[in-house]
Amino acid sequence: MTYIVTENCIACKYTDCVEVCPVDCFYEGENMLVIHPDECIDCGVCEPECPADAIRPDTEPDMEKWVEFNRKYAERWPVLTQKKDPLPGAEEMDGKPGKLALFSEAPGEGS
């Protein structure tokens, strides 16, 4: 099992999860985070830290596409090891449906 970041992170990008990760497997895009599924040690400490409930185990139904999504962008984006402020408007965007249309492939700054 591994943990992965799903659509609800888009346009929120809370980074509380990054602060607790013992292996630095989070990668930063312009408007979301991803977890490298091959680096995640399945400890699960990140999942309860996400205010947007965007981190899920890959054992849930229909997560295969998100595992590949996370892998793809983790290999392109910089690692993030320190907590940052969420995106402006994160509270308003939290839980909104259809956020995949807002996704940006651009990398973040990392840390």
N, C-alpha and C. Protein backbone atom coordinates (compact mmCIF):
# COMPACT_ATOMS: atom_id res chain seq x y z
N MET A 1 0.84 -1.19 0.00
CA MET A 1 0.00 0.00 0.00
C MET A 1 0.88 1.24 0.00
N THR A 2 0.36 2.29 -0.60
CA THR A 2 1.00 3.59 -0.56
C THR A 2 -0.09 4.65 -0.41
N TYR A 3 0.30 5.83 -0.05
CA TYR A 3 -0.64 6.94 0.03
C TYR A 3 -0.40 7.84 -1.17
N ILE A 4 -1.48 8.46 -1.64
CA ILE A 4 -1.39 9.32 -2.79
C ILE A 4 -2.26 10.56 -2.57
N VAL A 5 -1.96 11.60 -3.33
CA VAL A 5 -2.72 12.85 -3.24
C VAL A 5 -3.75 12.84 -4.37
N THR A 6 -4.97 13.26 -4.05
CA THR A 6 -6.06 13.25 -5.01
C THR A 6 -6.49 14.67 -5.37
N GLU A 7 -7.51 14.75 -6.18
CA GLU A 7 -8.00 16.00 -6.77
C GLU A 7 -8.28 17.11 -5.76
N ASN A 8 -8.68 16.78 -4.56
CA ASN A 8 -9.07 17.84 -3.63
C ASN A 8 -7.90 18.73 -3.22
N CYS A 9 -6.68 18.32 -3.48
CA CYS A 9 -5.52 19.17 -3.18
C CYS A 9 -5.41 20.34 -4.16
N ILE A 10 -5.91 20.15 -5.36
CA ILE A 10 -5.80 21.19 -6.40
C ILE A 10 -6.45 22.49 -5.92
N ALA A 11 -5.73 23.57 -6.07
CA ALA A 11 -6.16 24.92 -5.72
C ALA A 11 -6.24 25.15 -4.21
N CYS A 12 -5.79 24.19 -3.41
CA CYS A 12 -5.68 24.36 -1.97
C CYS A 12 -4.21 24.32 -1.57
N LYS A 13 -3.59 23.19 -1.83
CA LYS A 13 -2.17 22.94 -1.56
C LYS A 13 -1.79 23.23 -0.11
N TYR A 14 -2.53 22.62 0.79
CA TYR A 14 -2.12 22.65 2.20
C TYR A 14 -0.85 21.81 2.32
N THR A 15 0.06 22.20 3.16
CA THR A 15 1.32 21.46 3.27
C THR A 15 1.58 20.93 4.68
N ASP A 16 0.54 20.81 5.47
CA ASP A 16 0.67 20.23 6.82
C ASP A 16 1.26 18.82 6.74
N CYS A 17 0.92 18.10 5.69
CA CYS A 17 1.37 16.73 5.47
C CYS A 17 2.89 16.65 5.30
N VAL A 18 3.46 17.63 4.65
CA VAL A 18 4.89 17.65 4.36
C VAL A 18 5.70 17.67 5.66
N GLU A 19 5.20 18.42 6.60
CA GLU A 19 5.90 18.61 7.87
C GLU A 19 6.07 17.32 8.66
N VAL A 20 5.15 16.38 8.50
CA VAL A 20 5.21 15.13 9.28
C VAL A 20 5.82 13.96 8.53
N CYS A 21 6.06 14.12 7.23
CA CYS A 21 6.57 13.01 6.42
C CYS A 21 8.02 12.68 6.79
N PRO A 22 8.28 11.43 7.20
CA PRO A 22 9.64 11.07 7.61
C PRO A 22 10.60 10.79 6.45
N VAL A 23 10.08 10.69 5.21
CA VAL A 23 10.95 10.32 4.08
C VAL A 23 10.97 11.35 2.95
N ASP A 24 10.35 12.49 3.12
CA ASP A 24 10.38 13.55 2.12
C ASP A 24 9.95 13.06 0.74
N CYS A 25 8.75 12.47 0.66
CA CYS A 25 8.27 11.95 -0.62
C CYS A 25 7.20 12.83 -1.25
N PHE A 26 7.05 14.08 -0.76
CA PHE A 26 6.10 15.02 -1.35
C PHE A 26 6.80 15.90 -2.38
N TYR A 27 6.10 16.14 -3.48
CA TYR A 27 6.63 16.96 -4.56
C TYR A 27 5.62 18.06 -4.86
N GLU A 28 6.15 19.25 -5.19
CA GLU A 28 5.30 20.43 -5.29
C GLU A 28 5.09 20.90 -6.72
N GLY A 29 3.81 20.99 -7.08
CA GLY A 29 3.43 21.63 -8.32
C GLY A 29 2.94 23.04 -8.02
N GLU A 30 2.62 23.76 -9.04
CA GLU A 30 2.15 25.14 -8.88
C GLU A 30 0.91 25.22 -8.00
N ASN A 31 -0.03 24.27 -8.17
CA ASN A 31 -1.26 24.38 -7.39
C ASN A 31 -1.70 23.08 -6.71
N MET A 32 -0.77 22.15 -6.53
CA MET A 32 -1.07 20.94 -5.73
C MET A 32 0.22 20.22 -5.37
N LEU A 33 0.10 19.25 -4.51
CA LEU A 33 1.22 18.38 -4.14
C LEU A 33 0.94 16.97 -4.66
N VAL A 34 1.99 16.18 -4.79
CA VAL A 34 1.84 14.75 -5.07
C VAL A 34 2.82 13.99 -4.17
N ILE A 35 2.57 12.71 -4.01
CA ILE A 35 3.45 11.81 -3.27
C ILE A 35 4.05 10.84 -4.27
N HIS A 36 5.36 10.65 -4.20
CA HIS A 36 5.96 9.64 -5.08
C HIS A 36 5.61 8.27 -4.51
N PRO A 37 4.81 7.47 -5.21
CA PRO A 37 4.36 6.20 -4.65
C PRO A 37 5.49 5.20 -4.41
N ASP A 38 6.60 5.35 -5.09
CA ASP A 38 7.72 4.43 -4.88
C ASP A 38 8.60 4.84 -3.71
N GLU A 39 8.42 6.05 -3.20
CA GLU A 39 9.20 6.53 -2.06
C GLU A 39 8.42 6.50 -0.76
N CYS A 40 7.10 6.51 -0.85
CA CYS A 40 6.24 6.48 0.33
C CYS A 40 6.46 5.17 1.08
N ILE A 41 6.62 5.26 2.39
CA ILE A 41 6.84 4.05 3.21
C ILE A 41 5.55 3.57 3.88
N ASP A 42 4.44 4.12 3.46
CA ASP A 42 3.12 3.66 3.93
C ASP A 42 2.90 3.85 5.42
N CYS A 43 3.53 4.85 6.00
CA CYS A 43 3.37 5.06 7.44
C CYS A 43 2.02 5.68 7.78
N GLY A 44 1.44 6.45 6.86
CA GLY A 44 0.11 7.02 7.06
C GLY A 44 0.04 8.26 7.92
N VAL A 45 1.16 8.79 8.37
CA VAL A 45 1.09 9.97 9.24
C VAL A 45 0.60 11.21 8.52
N CYS A 46 0.73 11.24 7.20
CA CYS A 46 0.31 12.41 6.43
C CYS A 46 -1.21 12.50 6.29
N GLU A 47 -1.87 11.37 6.18
CA GLU A 47 -3.31 11.36 5.87
C GLU A 47 -4.14 12.19 6.85
N PRO A 48 -4.01 12.01 8.16
CA PRO A 48 -4.85 12.81 9.06
C PRO A 48 -4.43 14.28 9.14
N GLU A 49 -3.26 14.63 8.65
CA GLU A 49 -2.80 16.01 8.70
C GLU A 49 -3.39 16.88 7.59
N CYS A 50 -3.96 16.27 6.56
CA CYS A 50 -4.46 17.02 5.41
C CYS A 50 -5.84 17.63 5.72
N PRO A 51 -5.94 18.96 5.82
CA PRO A 51 -7.23 19.58 6.10
C PRO A 51 -8.25 19.38 4.99
N ALA A 52 -7.78 19.12 3.77
CA ALA A 52 -8.68 18.96 2.63
C ALA A 52 -9.06 17.50 2.37
N ASP A 53 -8.58 16.58 3.20
CA ASP A 53 -8.85 15.15 3.01
C ASP A 53 -8.48 14.70 1.60
N ALA A 54 -7.34 15.19 1.12
CA ALA A 54 -6.89 14.87 -0.24
C ALA A 54 -5.93 13.70 -0.30
N ILE A 55 -5.45 13.22 0.83
CA ILE A 55 -4.50 12.10 0.85
C ILE A 55 -5.27 10.83 1.18
N ARG A 56 -5.14 9.85 0.30
CA ARG A 56 -5.90 8.61 0.44
C ARG A 56 -4.98 7.42 0.22
N PRO A 57 -5.30 6.27 0.83
CA PRO A 57 -4.53 5.06 0.54
C PRO A 57 -4.88 4.54 -0.85
N ASP A 58 -3.91 3.93 -1.50
CA ASP A 58 -4.15 3.43 -2.86
C ASP A 58 -5.05 2.20 -2.89
N THR A 59 -5.42 1.69 -1.74
CA THR A 59 -6.29 0.53 -1.66
C THR A 59 -7.76 0.88 -1.82
N GLU A 60 -8.09 2.16 -1.83
CA GLU A 60 -9.48 2.57 -2.04
C GLU A 60 -9.85 2.35 -3.51
N PRO A 61 -11.14 2.22 -3.82
CA PRO A 61 -11.56 1.99 -5.20
C PRO A 61 -11.15 3.12 -6.14
N ASP A 62 -10.80 2.76 -7.36
CA ASP A 62 -10.49 3.70 -8.45
C ASP A 62 -9.29 4.60 -8.16
N MET A 63 -8.32 4.12 -7.42
CA MET A 63 -7.14 4.94 -7.10
C MET A 63 -5.98 4.71 -8.07
N GLU A 64 -6.10 3.72 -8.96
CA GLU A 64 -4.99 3.42 -9.88
C GLU A 64 -4.58 4.65 -10.69
N LYS A 65 -5.56 5.40 -11.18
CA LYS A 65 -5.26 6.58 -11.99
C LYS A 65 -4.52 7.64 -11.18
N TRP A 66 -4.85 7.73 -9.88
CA TRP A 66 -4.18 8.72 -9.03
C TRP A 66 -2.77 8.28 -8.65
N VAL A 67 -2.54 6.98 -8.56
CA VAL A 67 -1.18 6.48 -8.31
C VAL A 67 -0.29 6.89 -9.47
N GLU A 68 -0.75 6.67 -10.69
CA GLU A 68 0.04 7.03 -11.87
C GLU A 68 0.19 8.54 -12.01
N PHE A 69 -0.84 9.27 -11.69
CA PHE A 69 -0.80 10.73 -11.71
C PHE A 69 0.28 11.23 -10.74
N ASN A 70 0.27 10.70 -9.52
CA ASN A 70 1.26 11.09 -8.51
C ASN A 70 2.67 10.74 -8.97
N ARG A 71 2.84 9.55 -9.51
CA ARG A 71 4.16 9.12 -9.99
C ARG A 71 4.67 10.05 -11.09
N LYS A 72 3.82 10.33 -12.04
CA LYS A 72 4.20 11.16 -13.19
C LYS A 72 4.72 12.53 -12.75
N TYR A 73 3.97 13.19 -11.88
CA TYR A 73 4.37 14.54 -11.49
C TYR A 73 5.46 14.55 -10.43
N ALA A 74 5.55 13.53 -9.61
CA ALA A 74 6.65 13.44 -8.64
C ALA A 74 7.99 13.34 -9.36
N GLU A 75 7.97 12.76 -10.53
CA GLU A 75 9.21 12.64 -11.31
C GLU A 75 9.56 13.92 -12.07
N ARG A 76 8.64 14.87 -12.10
CA ARG A 76 8.86 16.14 -12.82
C ARG A 76 9.03 17.34 -11.89
N TRP A 77 8.43 17.28 -10.72
CA TRP A 77 8.39 18.44 -9.82
C TRP A 77 9.46 18.35 -8.73
N PRO A 78 9.80 19.49 -8.10
CA PRO A 78 10.79 19.48 -7.02
C PRO A 78 10.21 18.94 -5.71
N VAL A 79 11.08 18.33 -4.92
CA VAL A 79 10.69 17.83 -3.61
C VAL A 79 10.34 19.00 -2.70
N LEU A 80 9.39 18.79 -1.82
CA LEU A 80 9.00 19.79 -0.83
C LEU A 80 9.21 19.18 0.54
N THR A 81 10.01 19.83 1.36
CA THR A 81 10.33 19.28 2.68
C THR A 81 9.91 20.19 3.83
N GLN A 82 9.40 21.37 3.51
CA GLN A 82 9.01 22.31 4.56
C GLN A 82 7.59 22.82 4.33
N LYS A 83 6.90 23.04 5.42
CA LYS A 83 5.53 23.56 5.35
C LYS A 83 5.53 24.97 4.78
N LYS A 84 4.54 25.25 3.94
CA LYS A 84 4.32 26.57 3.37
C LYS A 84 2.88 26.99 3.61
N ASP A 85 2.57 28.23 3.36
CA ASP A 85 1.19 28.68 3.45
C ASP A 85 0.37 28.06 2.33
N PRO A 86 -0.92 27.77 2.58
CA PRO A 86 -1.77 27.25 1.51
C PRO A 86 -1.99 28.33 0.45
N LEU A 87 -2.53 27.94 -0.67
CA LEU A 87 -2.82 28.89 -1.73
C LEU A 87 -3.90 29.87 -1.29
N PRO A 88 -3.86 31.09 -1.80
CA PRO A 88 -4.95 32.03 -1.50
C PRO A 88 -6.28 31.43 -1.95
N GLY A 89 -7.29 31.56 -1.12
CA GLY A 89 -8.60 31.01 -1.45
C GLY A 89 -8.75 29.53 -1.19
N ALA A 90 -7.77 28.93 -0.52
CA ALA A 90 -7.82 27.48 -0.26
C ALA A 90 -9.08 27.06 0.48
N GLU A 91 -9.48 27.83 1.47
CA GLU A 91 -10.68 27.46 2.25
C GLU A 91 -11.92 27.42 1.37
N GLU A 92 -12.04 28.37 0.44
CA GLU A 92 -13.20 28.41 -0.45
C GLU A 92 -13.18 27.25 -1.46
N MET A 93 -11.98 26.83 -1.85
CA MET A 93 -11.84 25.77 -2.85
C MET A 93 -11.93 24.36 -2.25
N ASP A 94 -11.72 24.24 -0.96
CA ASP A 94 -11.73 22.94 -0.30
C ASP A 94 -13.06 22.23 -0.51
N GLY A 95 -13.00 21.04 -1.11
CA GLY A 95 -14.19 20.22 -1.29
C GLY A 95 -15.00 20.52 -2.54
N LYS A 96 -14.62 21.51 -3.32
CA LYS A 96 -15.36 21.82 -4.54
C LYS A 96 -15.15 20.69 -5.56
N PRO A 97 -16.19 20.30 -6.27
CA PRO A 97 -16.04 19.26 -7.30
C PRO A 97 -15.43 19.83 -8.58
N GLY A 98 -14.91 18.96 -9.41
CA GLY A 98 -14.41 19.35 -10.72
C GLY A 98 -13.11 20.13 -10.71
N LYS A 99 -12.30 19.95 -9.69
CA LYS A 99 -11.07 20.74 -9.60
C LYS A 99 -9.97 20.26 -10.54
N LEU A 100 -10.10 19.09 -11.12
CA LEU A 100 -9.08 18.61 -12.04
C LEU A 100 -8.93 19.57 -13.23
N ALA A 101 -10.01 20.25 -13.60
CA ALA A 101 -9.96 21.22 -14.69
C ALA A 101 -9.06 22.41 -14.35
N LEU A 102 -8.78 22.62 -13.07
CA LEU A 102 -7.93 23.74 -12.63
C LEU A 102 -6.47 23.34 -12.48
N PHE A 103 -6.16 22.07 -12.67
CA PHE A 103 -4.82 21.55 -12.46
C PHE A 103 -3.79 22.22 -13.37
N SER A 104 -2.64 22.55 -12.78
CA SER A 104 -1.52 23.10 -13.53
C SER A 104 -0.35 22.11 -13.51
N GLU A 105 0.22 21.82 -14.67
CA GLU A 105 1.39 20.94 -14.76
C GLU A 105 2.68 21.65 -14.35
N ALA A 106 2.63 22.95 -14.16
CA ALA A 106 3.82 23.72 -13.82
C ALA A 106 4.36 23.30 -12.46
N PRO A 107 5.68 23.23 -12.33
CA PRO A 107 6.27 22.87 -11.05
C PRO A 107 6.14 24.00 -10.04
N GLY A 108 6.20 23.62 -8.76
CA GLY A 108 6.29 24.61 -7.70
C GLY A 108 7.74 24.96 -7.46
N GLU A 109 7.99 25.65 -6.36
CA GLU A 109 9.35 26.06 -6.04
C GLU A 109 10.14 25.00 -5.28
N GLY A 110 9.43 24.12 -4.56
CA GLY A 110 10.10 23.12 -3.74
C GLY A 110 10.79 23.76 -2.54
N SER A 111 11.49 22.95 -1.78
CA SER A 111 12.26 23.47 -0.64
C SER A 111 13.30 22.46 -0.21
